[in-house]
Amino acid sequence: WAKLVICLLIDGVGDSSFLLPGVGEFSDAAYAPLEAFLLGQLFRSNAISSLGFVEEALPFTDVLPTATLAWVIEEF
């Protein structure tokens, strides 16, 4: 369950950029490499890491909980 909590935190931090109007998409560009790194460390998967980077870097895709979905796929 600890991994799920970490995934929820990763997604939560990525989604929190919407709390700052006008700054959100710029902060996503800065957070994308960090999310990709964290996902790579958690799941040992370049595919998940790349997906996390793209999801965070593209505008208006923050609603996708990439880390949590990766956890669900891995567990079930």
Foldseek 3Di string as FASTA:
>chain_A
DVQLVVLVVLLVVLVCLVVDPPCSLVVLLVCLQVSLVVLCVSPVDNVLSVVSSVQSNDPPSSVDSSSNVVVVVVVD
